[in-house]
Amino acid sequence: MKKLLLFPILLVCLCLLITAKDFTNSVSMKFIDIPSGSFMMGTKALNCPKDDPFTEKNEKKSCIDSVSSDEFPYHKVFVKSFYMSNTEVTQLQYWSVMKKNPAHFKTEKLEYYSQHNPIERVSWHDANEFIKALNKKENTNKYKLPSEQEWEYSSKANSDKENKLEDYAWYDGNSNDKTHPVAKKKPNKFNLYDMQGNVWEWTSSCYTKNYLIKCEDNPNSYKVIRGGSWYDNKKDTRLSNRDSTASDFEYFTIGFRVAKEK
């Protein structure tokens, strides 16, 4: 009887081991297994109202201005399974690999210890140098910056619904003009924290105005950043919002998170 009871228990344990694919690396970065799937990338065509001549506000223009023209066309994208770090890279994680901390928001400015705040004031090249060093440290070549498609897919967590921003993000309405320790807000359905706000996140993708126009993978081109920051408003922290900057630019609103190929 004991042997009969033991077998299903062992089977359940084995199934849990097989399905539990999330992992934590040597510098305490936790990675979430993001399943393959498709999603609608960008923003739906707007159904804007006509301007009301009896109001000061131009309703139609306000509606059109609420999104950027580079969020069109709204189109279906398939993404292969990959891993995504569940938080932005922290100052401690960056220091553990690079032995330096270029962040603006250190302990003195925050009035508490800054090790769990996101690294910022790093360029796209700096982020890639970190990834190169991390790959060497972990004896792999699989770590990378997420593509723009991977970022938006994992941020939407199989849902195009925009959640209540205050529950998920540090932005200009609640940040008190500074970054905050990662993972203090709610995670999304993939268990990823701070996909909106705190700091902008570099992607591997170079920027074009139209999703359907291919661009060369030029290390010196403008790169797409996503998610908005502690400094930005609700419009700029929308999941579909896109922005870009020069790959050598560094600022205290821009950091990154890491993906990993399978």
Protein backbone atom coordinates (compact mmCIF):
# COMPACT_ATOMS: atom_id res chain seq x y z
CA MET A 1 0.00 0.00 0.00
CA LYS A 2 2.82 2.45 0.87
CA LYS A 3 4.51 1.77 -2.48
CA LEU A 4 1.24 2.42 -4.30
CA LEU A 5 0.85 5.76 -2.51
CA LEU A 6 4.47 6.73 -3.09
CA PHE A 7 4.34 6.35 -6.87
CA PRO A 8 1.78 9.12 -7.60
CA ILE A 9 3.61 11.43 -5.17
CA LEU A 10 6.88 10.88 -7.04
CA LEU A 11 5.08 11.40 -10.35
CA VAL A 12 3.64 14.75 -9.18
CA CYS A 13 7.08 15.87 -7.96
CA LEU A 14 8.64 14.89 -11.29
CA CYS A 15 5.99 16.85 -13.21
CA LEU A 16 6.66 19.93 -11.06
CA LEU A 17 10.38 19.69 -11.78
CA ILE A 18 9.72 19.39 -15.51
CA THR A 19 7.34 22.37 -15.65
CA ALA A 20 9.27 24.66 -13.25
CA LYS A 21 11.57 26.32 -15.80
CA ASP A 22 12.13 29.66 -14.08
CA PHE A 23 15.66 30.04 -12.73
CA THR A 24 17.96 32.36 -10.80
CA ASN A 25 21.53 32.95 -11.98
CA SER A 26 24.77 33.53 -10.07
CA VAL A 27 24.12 37.25 -9.49
CA SER A 28 20.59 36.72 -8.13
CA MET A 29 18.78 37.67 -11.33
CA LYS A 30 15.53 35.70 -11.53
CA PHE A 31 14.38 34.70 -15.02
CA ILE A 32 10.81 33.85 -15.98
CA ASP A 33 10.02 31.31 -18.67
CA ILE A 34 7.93 33.25 -21.20
CA PRO A 35 5.90 30.85 -23.36
CA SER A 36 5.71 31.19 -27.11
CA GLY A 37 2.61 32.82 -28.52
CA SER A 38 1.13 35.58 -30.65
CA PHE A 39 -0.23 38.99 -29.72
CA MET A 40 -1.45 42.18 -31.32
CA MET A 41 1.41 44.66 -31.36
CA GLY A 42 0.86 48.41 -31.41
CA THR A 43 -2.34 50.38 -31.01
CA LYS A 44 -5.75 49.87 -32.58
CA ALA A 45 -7.01 52.44 -35.07
CA LEU A 46 -8.58 55.26 -33.10
CA ASN A 47 -12.32 55.93 -33.27
CA CYS A 48 -12.04 59.62 -32.45
CA PRO A 49 -15.07 61.83 -31.91
CA LYS A 50 -15.75 64.97 -33.90
CA ASP A 51 -14.71 68.25 -32.36
CA ASP A 52 -17.45 69.88 -30.31
CA PRO A 53 -17.60 73.55 -31.41
CA PHE A 54 -19.16 74.55 -28.08
CA THR A 55 -16.17 73.50 -25.95
CA GLU A 56 -12.72 75.00 -25.69
CA LYS A 57 -11.14 71.58 -26.01
CA ASN A 58 -10.59 70.12 -29.48
CA GLU A 59 -11.87 66.60 -28.78
CA LYS A 60 -10.72 65.08 -32.07
CA LYS A 61 -7.19 66.50 -31.84
CA SER A 62 -6.85 65.41 -28.21
CA CYS A 63 -7.85 61.88 -29.17
CA ILE A 64 -5.36 61.73 -32.06
CA ASP A 65 -2.59 63.18 -29.88
CA SER A 66 -3.18 60.54 -27.20
CA VAL A 67 -1.05 58.05 -29.13
CA SER A 68 2.01 58.36 -31.34
CA SER A 69 1.95 57.73 -35.06
CA ASP A 70 4.75 55.17 -34.72
CA GLU A 71 2.39 52.77 -32.89
CA PHE A 72 0.70 51.81 -36.18
CA PRO A 73 -0.11 49.53 -37.89
CA TYR A 74 -1.77 47.32 -35.30
CA HIS A 75 -0.54 43.90 -36.34
CA LYS A 76 -0.19 40.30 -35.18
CA VAL A 77 3.25 39.08 -34.09
CA PHE A 78 4.41 35.59 -33.12
CA VAL A 79 7.12 35.33 -30.44
CA LYS A 80 9.17 32.22 -29.68
CA SER A 81 9.60 31.14 -26.07
CA PHE A 82 12.42 32.86 -24.15
CA TYR A 83 13.42 33.91 -20.64
CA MET A 84 12.96 37.44 -19.25
CA SER A 85 14.44 38.81 -16.02
CA ASN A 86 11.57 39.51 -13.66
CA THR A 87 12.98 42.92 -12.66
CA GLU A 88 15.09 45.64 -14.19
CA VAL A 89 18.81 45.14 -13.55
CA THR A 90 19.57 46.57 -10.10
CA GLN A 91 22.55 48.59 -9.00
CA LEU A 92 23.80 45.61 -6.96
CA GLN A 93 23.50 43.21 -9.89
CA TYR A 94 25.26 45.66 -12.20
CA TRP A 95 28.07 46.18 -9.69
CA SER A 96 28.40 42.41 -9.13
CA VAL A 97 29.25 41.95 -12.81
CA MET A 98 30.91 45.24 -13.81
CA LYS A 99 32.46 46.36 -10.47
CA LYS A 100 31.15 49.90 -10.98
CA ASN A 101 27.92 51.79 -10.37
CA PRO A 102 27.20 54.73 -12.71
CA ALA A 103 23.69 55.35 -11.28
CA HIS A 104 22.54 58.87 -10.45
CA PHE A 105 20.13 57.80 -7.70
CA LYS A 106 22.55 56.43 -5.13
CA THR A 107 22.10 56.20 -1.37
CA GLU A 108 22.71 59.90 -0.60
CA LYS A 109 20.00 61.11 -3.00
CA LEU A 110 17.49 58.46 -1.94
CA GLU A 111 18.16 58.62 1.81
CA TYR A 112 18.11 54.82 1.93
CA TYR A 113 20.50 52.17 0.60
CA SER A 114 20.31 52.11 -3.21
CA GLN A 115 21.40 48.56 -4.02
CA HIS A 116 17.93 47.36 -5.07
CA ASN A 117 17.07 50.41 -7.17
CA PRO A 118 17.39 49.93 -10.94
CA ILE A 119 20.68 50.76 -12.57
CA GLU A 120 20.34 53.87 -14.76
CA ARG A 121 22.57 56.34 -16.57
CA VAL A 122 23.74 53.49 -18.81
CA SER A 123 23.87 53.60 -22.60
CA TRP A 124 22.80 50.83 -24.97
CA HIS A 125 26.49 50.00 -25.36
CA ASP A 126 26.90 49.85 -21.56
CA ALA A 127 23.96 47.43 -21.33
CA ASN A 128 25.54 45.21 -23.95
CA GLU A 129 28.90 45.29 -22.19
CA PHE A 130 27.11 44.09 -19.06
CA ILE A 131 25.48 41.28 -21.04
CA LYS A 132 28.82 40.31 -22.62
CA ALA A 133 30.41 40.09 -19.16
CA LEU A 134 27.40 38.21 -17.76
CA ASN A 135 27.61 35.65 -20.57
CA LYS A 136 31.29 35.12 -19.78
CA LYS A 137 30.58 34.81 -16.06
CA GLU A 138 27.80 32.28 -16.66
CA ASN A 139 29.71 30.42 -19.39
CA THR A 140 27.01 30.91 -22.03
CA ASN A 141 26.17 33.10 -25.02
CA LYS A 142 22.41 33.16 -24.50
CA TYR A 143 21.92 36.39 -22.50
CA LYS A 144 20.83 39.42 -24.55
CA LEU A 145 18.68 42.52 -24.58
CA PRO A 146 15.07 41.67 -25.44
CA SER A 147 13.81 42.65 -28.86
CA GLU A 148 11.03 45.21 -29.05
CA GLN A 149 8.58 42.43 -29.94
CA GLU A 150 9.66 40.29 -26.96
CA TRP A 151 9.39 43.28 -24.65
CA GLU A 152 5.85 44.23 -25.68
CA TYR A 153 4.65 40.61 -25.70
CA SER A 154 5.93 39.95 -22.18
CA SER A 155 4.70 43.33 -20.89
CA LYS A 156 1.16 42.69 -22.10
CA ALA A 157 1.22 39.16 -20.63
CA ASN A 158 -1.18 37.79 -23.26
CA SER A 159 -3.56 40.66 -22.64
CA ASP A 160 -3.95 44.04 -24.33
CA LYS A 161 -5.79 45.38 -21.27
CA GLU A 162 -4.13 48.35 -19.62
CA ASN A 163 -4.26 47.94 -15.84
CA LYS A 164 -4.54 50.63 -13.17
CA LEU A 165 -1.16 52.29 -13.50
CA GLU A 166 -0.70 53.19 -9.83
CA ASP A 167 -0.73 49.50 -8.90
CA TYR A 168 2.02 48.54 -11.34
CA ALA A 169 4.28 51.50 -11.97
CA TRP A 170 6.37 54.33 -10.57
CA TYR A 171 5.66 57.34 -12.82
CA ASP A 172 5.46 61.12 -12.45
CA GLY A 173 2.22 60.86 -10.46
CA ASN A 174 3.69 58.86 -7.56
CA SER A 175 7.50 58.61 -7.86
CA ASN A 176 8.50 61.79 -5.96
CA ASP A 177 11.04 62.46 -8.71
CA LYS A 178 13.27 59.42 -8.14
CA THR A 179 13.64 55.72 -8.88
CA HIS A 180 12.39 53.12 -6.42
CA PRO A 181 13.52 49.63 -5.41
CA VAL A 182 12.41 47.05 -7.96
CA ALA A 183 9.47 44.70 -7.33
CA LYS A 184 7.62 47.00 -4.93
CA LYS A 185 4.57 47.24 -7.19
CA LYS A 186 2.37 44.41 -8.49
CA PRO A 187 3.79 42.05 -11.14
CA ASN A 188 1.96 41.36 -14.40
CA LYS A 189 0.54 37.93 -15.28
CA PHE A 190 3.98 36.67 -16.33
CA ASN A 191 5.28 37.70 -12.88
CA LEU A 192 7.38 40.54 -14.31
CA TYR A 193 7.79 43.71 -12.24
CA ASP A 194 8.15 47.36 -13.31
CA MET A 195 7.46 46.79 -16.99
CA GLN A 196 5.90 50.25 -16.79
CA GLY A 197 7.71 53.12 -15.10
CA ASN A 198 10.74 53.28 -12.78
CA VAL A 199 13.22 53.42 -15.70
CA TRP A 200 12.96 53.16 -19.47
CA GLU A 201 14.36 49.87 -20.75
CA TRP A 202 16.73 49.42 -23.69
CA THR A 203 15.78 46.85 -26.33
CA SER A 204 17.96 45.29 -29.02
CA SER A 205 15.78 46.78 -31.78
CA CYS A 206 16.76 49.75 -33.89
CA TYR A 207 14.07 52.37 -34.37
CA THR A 208 11.91 53.02 -37.43
CA LYS A 209 8.66 54.97 -37.66
CA ASN A 210 6.86 51.98 -39.14
CA TYR A 211 6.91 48.50 -37.59
CA LEU A 212 6.91 46.91 -41.04
CA ILE A 213 10.04 48.68 -42.26
CA LYS A 214 13.15 46.61 -41.59
CA CYS A 215 16.25 48.33 -40.31
CA GLU A 216 19.86 47.25 -40.28
CA ASP A 217 21.24 46.00 -36.99
CA ASN A 218 23.58 48.96 -36.75
CA PRO A 219 25.14 49.37 -33.28
CA ASN A 220 25.21 53.15 -33.74
CA SER A 221 21.59 53.55 -34.86
CA TYR A 222 18.80 54.89 -32.67
CA LYS A 223 17.50 52.12 -30.41
CA VAL A 224 13.99 51.53 -29.12
CA ILE A 225 13.37 52.10 -25.41
CA ARG A 226 10.20 50.95 -23.72
CA GLY A 227 8.09 51.30 -20.59
CA GLY A 228 8.51 54.90 -19.47
CA SER A 229 10.14 56.01 -16.24
CA TRP A 230 9.68 57.70 -12.85
CA TYR A 231 9.79 61.02 -14.74
CA ASP A 232 7.10 60.22 -17.34
CA ASN A 233 3.33 60.64 -17.46
CA LYS A 234 0.60 58.07 -18.03
CA LYS A 235 0.70 58.48 -21.81
CA ASP A 236 4.40 57.67 -21.99
CA THR A 237 4.14 54.64 -19.71
CA ARG A 238 1.52 52.86 -21.84
CA LEU A 239 2.53 49.33 -22.87
CA SER A 240 2.32 50.14 -26.60
CA ASN A 241 4.24 53.41 -26.37
CA ARG A 242 7.55 53.53 -28.23
CA ASP A 243 10.45 55.90 -27.85
CA SER A 244 14.01 55.93 -29.11
CA THR A 245 17.37 57.44 -28.40
CA ALA A 246 20.97 57.27 -29.60
CA SER A 247 22.78 54.10 -28.59
CA ASP A 248 25.53 56.07 -26.83
CA PHE A 249 23.08 58.19 -24.81
CA GLU A 250 22.93 57.73 -21.04
CA TYR A 251 20.49 59.39 -18.67
CA PHE A 252 19.05 58.86 -15.20
CA THR A 253 15.72 57.73 -16.64
CA ILE A 254 17.10 54.82 -18.73
CA GLY A 255 18.08 51.35 -17.56
CA PHE A 256 17.44 47.83 -18.89
CA ARG A 257 16.43 44.27 -18.16
CA VAL A 258 17.93 41.11 -19.61
CA ALA A 259 16.44 38.33 -21.72
CA LYS A 260 17.88 34.90 -22.43
CA GLU A 261 17.48 32.65 -25.46
CA LYS A 262 16.60 29.00 -25.02
